């Protein structure tokens, strides 16, 4: 299956649910999108904020495609 790509404007402020919550953090919002410096249409990293704790962490955008870890929206 081909890897889904996201447009930076659509990914920013999108909502995600952790399939296996840790530290009671289940719901997250994308608060920052880092684009490729050579191509602004290609996302490299995203910063997620936990709704409960307001904790931030950054990861490669493709980690969101892992259905064993993340689901789009809040469930």
PDB file of N, CA and C in Angstrom:
ATOM      1  N   UNK A   1       0.846  -1.179   0.000  1.00  0.00           N
ATOM      2  CA  UNK A   1       0.000   0.000   0.000  1.00  0.00           C
ATOM      3  C   UNK A   1       0.890   1.242   0.000  1.00  0.00           C
ATOM      4  N   UNK A   2       0.621   2.219  -0.890  1.00  0.00           N
ATOM      5  CA  UNK A   2       1.448   3.426  -0.910  1.00  0.00           C
ATOM      6  C   UNK A   2       1.220   4.262   0.342  1.00  0.00           C
ATOM      7  N   UNK A   3       2.270   4.962   0.740  1.00  0.00           N
ATOM      8  CA  UNK A   3       2.192   5.785   1.935  1.00  0.00           C
ATOM      9  C   UNK A   3       1.415   7.058   1.617  1.00  0.00           C
ATOM     10  N   UNK A   4       0.486   7.406   2.481  1.00  0.00           N
ATOM     11  CA  UNK A   4      -0.317   8.608   2.289  1.00  0.00           C
ATOM     12  C   UNK A   4       0.535   9.840   2.569  1.00  0.00           C
ATOM     13  N   UNK A   5       0.373  10.858   1.736  1.00  0.00           N
ATOM     14  CA  UNK A   5       1.077  12.112   2.000  1.00  0.00           C
ATOM     15  C   UNK A   5       0.040  13.162   2.391  1.00  0.00           C
ATOM     16  N   UNK A   6       0.463  14.098   3.211  1.00  0.00           N
ATOM     17  CA  UNK A   6      -0.430  15.123   3.732  1.00  0.00           C
ATOM     18  C   UNK A   6       0.031  16.487   3.261  1.00  0.00           C
ATOM     19  N   UNK A   7      -0.912  17.320   2.912  1.00  0.00           N
ATOM     20  CA  UNK A   7      -0.595  18.710   2.609  1.00  0.00           C
ATOM     21  C   UNK A   7      -0.401  19.417   3.948  1.00  0.00           C
ATOM     22  N   UNK A   8       0.644  20.234   4.085  1.00  0.00           N
ATOM     23  CA  UNK A   8       0.927  20.880   5.377  1.00  0.00           C
ATOM     24  C   UNK A   8      -0.250  21.656   5.956  1.00  0.00           C
ATOM     25  N   UNK A   9      -1.024  22.336   5.121  1.00  0.00           N
ATOM     26  CA  UNK A   9      -2.152  23.122   5.628  1.00  0.00           C
ATOM     27  C   UNK A   9      -3.268  22.237   6.171  1.00  0.00           C
ATOM     28  N   UNK A  10      -3.449  21.057   5.602  1.00  0.00           N
ATOM     29  CA  UNK A  10      -4.488  20.148   6.092  1.00  0.00           C
ATOM     30  C   UNK A  10      -4.037  19.416   7.348  1.00  0.00           C
ATOM     31  N   UNK A  11      -2.765  19.175   7.467  1.00  0.00           N
ATOM     32  CA  UNK A  11      -2.241  18.453   8.626  1.00  0.00           C
ATOM     33  C   UNK A  11      -2.223  19.335   9.877  1.00  0.00           C
ATOM     34  N   UNK A  12      -1.928  20.613   9.718  1.00  0.00           N
ATOM     35  CA  UNK A  12      -1.879  21.535  10.851  1.00  0.00           C
ATOM     36  C   UNK A  12      -3.259  21.633  11.503  1.00  0.00           C
ATOM     37  N   UNK A  13      -3.304  21.491  12.814  1.00  0.00           N
ATOM     38  CA  UNK A  13      -4.515  21.535  13.642  1.00  0.00           C
ATOM     39  C   UNK A  13      -5.402  20.301  13.473  1.00  0.00           C
ATOM     40  N   UNK A  14      -4.902  19.260  12.799  1.00  0.00           N
ATOM     41  CA  UNK A  14      -5.692  18.035  12.696  1.00  0.00           C
ATOM     42  C   UNK A  14      -5.674  17.307  14.037  1.00  0.00           C
ATOM     43  N   UNK A  15      -6.694  16.482  14.258  1.00  0.00           N
ATOM     44  CA  UNK A  15      -6.864  15.779  15.528  1.00  0.00           C
ATOM     45  C   UNK A  15      -6.520  14.306  15.342  1.00  0.00           C
ATOM     46  N   UNK A  16      -5.859  13.736  16.363  1.00  0.00           N
ATOM     47  CA  UNK A  16      -5.412  12.348  16.313  1.00  0.00           C
ATOM     48  C   UNK A  16      -5.690  11.666  17.643  1.00  0.00           C
ATOM     49  N   UNK A  17      -5.943  10.364  17.578  1.00  0.00           N
ATOM     50  CA  UNK A  17      -6.157   9.555  18.774  1.00  0.00           C
ATOM     51  C   UNK A  17      -5.072   8.495  18.841  1.00  0.00           C
ATOM     52  N   UNK A  18      -4.429   8.390  19.997  1.00  0.00           N
ATOM     53  CA  UNK A  18      -3.439   7.333  20.215  1.00  0.00           C
ATOM     54  C   UNK A  18      -4.187   6.020  20.415  1.00  0.00           C
ATOM     55  N   UNK A  19      -3.807   4.987  19.680  1.00  0.00           N
ATOM     56  CA  UNK A  19      -4.450   3.678  19.813  1.00  0.00           C
ATOM     57  C   UNK A  19      -4.153   3.087  21.183  1.00  0.00           C
ATOM     58  N   UNK A  20      -2.921   3.254  21.651  1.00  0.00           N
ATOM     59  CA  UNK A  20      -2.517   2.783  22.982  1.00  0.00           C
ATOM     60  C   UNK A  20      -2.067   4.009  23.784  1.00  0.00           C
ATOM     61  N   UNK A  21      -2.992   4.624  24.535  1.00  0.00           N
ATOM     62  CA  UNK A  21      -2.633   5.832  25.292  1.00  0.00           C
ATOM     63  C   UNK A  21      -1.572   5.555  26.349  1.00  0.00           C
ATOM     64  N   UNK A  22      -0.710   6.533  26.558  1.00  0.00           N
ATOM     65  CA  UNK A  22       0.295   6.465  27.614  1.00  0.00           C
ATOM     66  C   UNK A  22       0.159   7.711  28.470  1.00  0.00           C
ATOM     67  N   UNK A  23       0.305   7.556  29.774  1.00  0.00           N
ATOM     68  CA  UNK A  23       0.191   8.668  30.722  1.00  0.00           C
ATOM     69  C   UNK A  23      -1.170   9.359  30.602  1.00  0.00           C
ATOM     70  N   UNK A  24      -2.215   8.580  30.331  1.00  0.00           N
ATOM     71  CA  UNK A  24      -3.586   9.085  30.180  1.00  0.00           C
ATOM     72  C   UNK A  24      -3.728  10.065  29.016  1.00  0.00           C
ATOM     73  N   UNK A  25      -2.748  10.110  28.125  1.00  0.00           N
ATOM     74  CA  UNK A  25      -2.801  10.999  26.965  1.00  0.00           C
ATOM     75  C   UNK A  25      -3.328  10.208  25.772  1.00  0.00           C
ATOM     76  N   UNK A  26      -4.533  10.533  25.358  1.00  0.00           N
ATOM     77  CA  UNK A  26      -5.174   9.811  24.267  1.00  0.00           C
ATOM     78  C   UNK A  26      -5.403  10.704  23.047  1.00  0.00           C
ATOM     79  N   UNK A  27      -5.823  11.942  23.277  1.00  0.00           N
ATOM     80  CA  UNK A  27      -6.154  12.854  22.187  1.00  0.00           C
ATOM     81  C   UNK A  27      -5.057  13.889  21.978  1.00  0.00           C
ATOM     82  N   UNK A  28      -4.745  14.125  20.703  1.00  0.00           N
ATOM     83  CA  UNK A  28      -3.652  15.016  20.329  1.00  0.00           C
ATOM     84  C   UNK A  28      -4.079  15.925  19.184  1.00  0.00           C
ATOM     85  N   UNK A  29      -3.432  17.090  19.123  1.00  0.00           N
ATOM     86  CA  UNK A  29      -3.634  18.043  18.032  1.00  0.00           C
ATOM     87  C   UNK A  29      -2.268  18.359  17.431  1.00  0.00           C
ATOM     88  N   UNK A  30      -2.200  18.402  16.103  1.00  0.00           N
ATOM     89  CA  UNK A  30      -0.963  18.812  15.433  1.00  0.00           C
ATOM     90  C   UNK A  30      -0.858  20.329  15.572  1.00  0.00           C
ATOM     91  N   UNK A  31       0.180  20.787  16.277  1.00  0.00           N
ATOM     92  CA  UNK A  31       0.346  22.224  16.532  1.00  0.00           C
ATOM     93  C   UNK A  31       1.441  22.858  15.680  1.00  0.00           C
ATOM     94  N   UNK A  32       2.281  22.028  15.056  1.00  0.00           N
ATOM     95  CA  UNK A  32       3.328  22.568  14.182  1.00  0.00           C
ATOM     96  C   UNK A  32       3.666  21.540  13.122  1.00  0.00           C
ATOM     97  N   UNK A  33       3.873  22.034  11.913  1.00  0.00           N
ATOM     98  CA  UNK A  33       4.273  21.188  10.789  1.00  0.00           C
ATOM     99  C   UNK A  33       5.577  21.747  10.243  1.00  0.00           C
ATOM    100  N   UNK A  34       6.586  20.896  10.135  1.00  0.00           N
ATOM    101  CA  UNK A  34       7.874  21.302   9.577  1.00  0.00           C
ATOM    102  C   UNK A  34       7.975  20.742   8.167  1.00  0.00           C
ATOM    103  N   UNK A  35       8.101  21.639   7.205  1.00  0.00           N
ATOM    104  CA  UNK A  35       8.175  21.234   5.804  1.00  0.00           C
ATOM    105  C   UNK A  35       9.626  21.065   5.373  1.00  0.00           C
ATOM    106  N   UNK A  36       9.800  20.345   4.288  1.00  0.00           N
ATOM    107  CA  UNK A  36      11.107  20.161   3.674  1.00  0.00           C
ATOM    108  C   UNK A  36      11.594  21.525   3.180  1.00  0.00           C
ATOM    109  N   UNK A  37      12.823  21.927   3.526  1.00  0.00           N
ATOM    110  CA  UNK A  37      13.312  23.247   3.092  1.00  0.00           C
ATOM    111  C   UNK A  37      13.413  23.392   1.571  1.00  0.00           C
ATOM    112  N   UNK A  38      13.540  22.268   0.858  1.00  0.00           N
ATOM    113  CA  UNK A  38      13.636  22.322  -0.600  1.00  0.00           C
ATOM    114  C   UNK A  38      12.274  22.273  -1.283  1.00  0.00           C
ATOM    115  N   UNK A  39      11.260  21.774  -0.578  1.00  0.00           N
ATOM    116  CA  UNK A  39       9.920  21.640  -1.147  1.00  0.00           C
ATOM    117  C   UNK A  39       8.897  21.859  -0.038  1.00  0.00           C
ATOM    118  N   UNK A  40       8.313  23.036   0.002  1.00  0.00           N
ATOM    119  CA  UNK A  40       7.389  23.403   1.082  1.00  0.00           C
ATOM    120  C   UNK A  40       6.121  22.560   1.094  1.00  0.00           C
ATOM    121  N   UNK A  41       5.864  21.810   0.028  1.00  0.00           N
ATOM    122  CA  UNK A  41       4.674  20.963  -0.025  1.00  0.00           C
ATOM    123  C   UNK A  41       4.895  19.604   0.638  1.00  0.00           C
ATOM    124  N   UNK A  42       6.137  19.281   0.980  1.00  0.00           N
ATOM    125  CA  UNK A  42       6.451  17.987   1.591  1.00  0.00           C
ATOM    126  C   UNK A  42       6.689  18.156   3.086  1.00  0.00           C
ATOM    127  N   UNK A  43       5.886  17.461   3.867  1.00  0.00           N
ATOM    128  CA  UNK A  43       5.996  17.510   5.322  1.00  0.00           C
ATOM    129  C   UNK A  43       7.138  16.609   5.768  1.00  0.00           C
ATOM    130  N   UNK A  44       7.946  17.076   6.717  1.00  0.00           N
ATOM    131  CA  UNK A  44       9.010  16.250   7.286  1.00  0.00           C
ATOM    132  C   UNK A  44       8.673  15.816   8.704  1.00  0.00           C
ATOM    133  N   UNK A  45       8.280  16.765   9.550  1.00  0.00           N
ATOM    134  CA  UNK A  45       7.990  16.443  10.942  1.00  0.00           C
ATOM    135  C   UNK A  45       6.729  17.162  11.389  1.00  0.00           C
ATOM    136  N   UNK A  46       6.098  16.578  12.417  1.00  0.00           N
ATOM    137  CA  UNK A  46       4.937  17.212  13.040  1.00  0.00           C
ATOM    138  C   UNK A  46       5.173  17.283  14.541  1.00  0.00           C
ATOM    139  N   UNK A  47       4.651  18.322  15.157  1.00  0.00           N
ATOM    140  CA  UNK A  47       4.676  18.442  16.609  1.00  0.00           C
ATOM    141  C   UNK A  47       3.249  18.266  17.094  1.00  0.00           C
ATOM    142  N   UNK A  48       3.072  17.299  17.979  1.00  0.00           N
ATOM    143  CA  UNK A  48       1.761  16.998  18.542  1.00  0.00           C
ATOM    144  C   UNK A  48       1.675  17.526  19.960  1.00  0.00           C
ATOM    145  N   UNK A  49       0.485  17.981  20.337  1.00  0.00           N
ATOM    146  CA  UNK A  49       0.227  18.431  21.702  1.00  0.00           C
ATOM    147  C   UNK A  49      -0.865  17.560  22.297  1.00  0.00           C
ATOM    148  N   UNK A  50      -0.595  16.992  23.467  1.00  0.00           N
ATOM    149  CA  UNK A  50      -1.602  16.205  24.172  1.00  0.00           C
ATOM    150  C   UNK A  50      -2.655  17.154  24.725  1.00  0.00           C
ATOM    151  N   UNK A  51      -3.917  16.852  24.480  1.00  0.00           N
ATOM    152  CA  UNK A  51      -4.996  17.722  24.936  1.00  0.00           C
ATOM    153  C   UNK A  51      -5.048  17.758  26.461  1.00  0.00           C
ATOM    154  N   UNK A  52      -4.846  16.631  27.112  1.00  0.00           N
ATOM    155  CA  UNK A  52      -4.954  16.545  28.569  1.00  0.00           C
ATOM    156  C   UNK A  52      -3.833  17.287  29.291  1.00  0.00           C
ATOM    157  N   UNK A  53      -2.591  17.018  28.898  1.00  0.00           N
ATOM    158  CA  UNK A  53      -1.439  17.535  29.648  1.00  0.00           C
ATOM    159  C   UNK A  53      -0.739  18.723  28.985  1.00  0.00           C
ATOM    160  N   UNK A  54      -1.083  19.004  27.730  1.00  0.00           N
ATOM    161  CA  UNK A  54      -0.425  20.066  26.941  1.00  0.00           C
ATOM    162  C   UNK A  54       1.040  19.754  26.641  1.00  0.00           C
ATOM    163  N   UNK A  55       1.457  18.503  26.845  1.00  0.00           N
ATOM    164  CA  UNK A  55       2.827  18.079  26.541  1.00  0.00           C
ATOM    165  C   UNK A  55       3.009  18.045  25.024  1.00  0.00           C
ATOM    166  N   UNK A  56       4.179  18.486  24.553  1.00  0.00           N
ATOM    167  CA  UNK A  56       4.507  18.477  23.127  1.00  0.00           C
ATOM    168  C   UNK A  56       5.566  17.424  22.833  1.00  0.00           C
ATOM    169  N   UNK A  57       5.466  16.822  21.661  1.00  0.00           N
ATOM    170  CA  UNK A  57       6.563  16.004  21.162  1.00  0.00           C
ATOM    171  C   UNK A  57       6.542  16.039  19.644  1.00  0.00           C
ATOM    172  N   UNK A  58       7.727  15.878  19.070  1.00  0.00           N
ATOM    173  CA  UNK A  58       7.900  15.949  17.622  1.00  0.00           C
ATOM    174  C   UNK A  58       8.280  14.578  17.093  1.00  0.00           C
ATOM    175  N   UNK A  59       7.712  14.236  15.940  1.00  0.00           N
ATOM    176  CA  UNK A  59       8.031  12.961  15.299  1.00  0.00           C
ATOM    177  C   UNK A  59       7.934  13.129  13.786  1.00  0.00           C
ATOM    178  N   UNK A  60       8.484  12.158  13.064  1.00  0.00           N
ATOM    179  CA  UNK A  60       8.388  12.174  11.607  1.00  0.00           C
ATOM    180  C   UNK A  60       6.917  12.015  11.240  1.00  0.00           C
ATOM    181  N   UNK A  61       6.470  12.737  10.238  1.00  0.00           N
ATOM    182  CA  UNK A  61       5.049  12.726   9.879  1.00  0.00           C
ATOM    183  C   UNK A  61       4.542  11.332   9.539  1.00  0.00           C
ATOM    184  N   UNK A  62       5.401  10.480   8.987  1.00  0.00           N
ATOM    185  CA  UNK A  62       4.945   9.155   8.551  1.00  0.00           C
ATOM    186  C   UNK A  62       4.547   8.257   9.722  1.00  0.00           C
ATOM    187  N   UNK A  63       4.971   8.612  10.945  1.00  0.00           N
ATOM    188  CA  UNK A  63       4.556   7.831  12.114  1.00  0.00           C
ATOM    189  C   UNK A  63       3.040   7.882  12.283  1.00  0.00           C
ATOM    190  N   UNK A  64       2.400   8.958  11.822  1.00  0.00           N
ATOM    191  CA  UNK A  64       0.946   9.069  11.927  1.00  0.00           C
ATOM    192  C   UNK A  64       0.229   8.077  11.011  1.00  0.00           C
ATOM    193  N   UNK A  65       0.928   7.557  10.017  1.00  0.00           N
ATOM    194  CA  UNK A  65       0.327   6.586   9.103  1.00  0.00           C
ATOM    195  C   UNK A  65       0.257   5.187   9.709  1.00  0.00           C
ATOM    196  N   UNK A  66       0.929   4.970  10.835  1.00  0.00           N
ATOM    197  CA  UNK A  66       0.936   3.662  11.490  1.00  0.00           C
ATOM    198  C   UNK A  66      -0.383   3.464  12.231  1.00  0.00           C
ATOM    199  N   UNK A  67      -1.272   2.652  11.671  1.00  0.00           N
ATOM    200  CA  UNK A  67      -2.593   2.427  12.253  1.00  0.00           C
ATOM    201  C   UNK A  67      -2.548   1.675  13.576  1.00  0.00           C
ATOM    202  N   UNK A  68      -1.405   1.113  13.913  1.00  0.00           N
ATOM    203  CA  UNK A  68      -1.253   0.447  15.207  1.00  0.00           C
ATOM    204  C   UNK A  68      -0.983   1.473  16.314  1.00  0.00           C
ATOM    205  N   UNK A  69      -0.634   2.711  15.934  1.00  0.00           N
ATOM    206  CA  UNK A  69      -0.333   3.762  16.906  1.00  0.00           C
ATOM    207  C   UNK A  69      -1.315   4.922  16.870  1.00  0.00           C
ATOM    208  N   UNK A  70      -1.802   5.283  15.663  1.00  0.00           N
ATOM    209  CA  UNK A  70      -2.600   6.500  15.513  1.00  0.00           C
ATOM    210  C   UNK A  70      -3.848   6.280  14.679  1.00  0.00           C
ATOM    211  N   UNK A  71      -4.915   7.010  15.038  1.00  0.00           N
ATOM    212  CA  UNK A  71      -6.137   7.066  14.243  1.00  0.00           C
ATOM    213  C   UNK A  71      -6.468   8.534  14.009  1.00  0.00           C
ATOM    214  N   UNK A  72      -6.916   8.853  12.798  1.00  0.00           N
ATOM    215  CA  UNK A  72      -7.302  10.226  12.477  1.00  0.00           C
ATOM    216  C   UNK A  72      -8.590  10.565  13.219  1.00  0.00           C
ATOM    217  N   UNK A  73      -8.649  11.749  13.808  1.00  0.00           N
ATOM    218  CA  UNK A  73      -9.837  12.186  14.545  1.00  0.00           C
ATOM    219  C   UNK A  73      -9.765  11.767  15.998  1.00  0.00           C
ATOM    220  N   UNK A  74     -10.815  12.121  16.734  1.00  0.00           N
ATOM    221  CA  UNK A  74     -10.883  11.752  18.150  1.00  0.00           C
ATOM    222  C   UNK A  74     -11.918  10.658  18.305  1.00  0.00           C
ATOM    223  N   UNK A  75     -11.480   9.551  18.896  1.00  0.00           N
ATOM    224  CA  UNK A  75     -12.368   8.386  19.065  1.00  0.00           C
ATOM    225  C   UNK A  75     -12.512   8.055  20.527  1.00  0.00           C
TER     226      UNK A  75
END
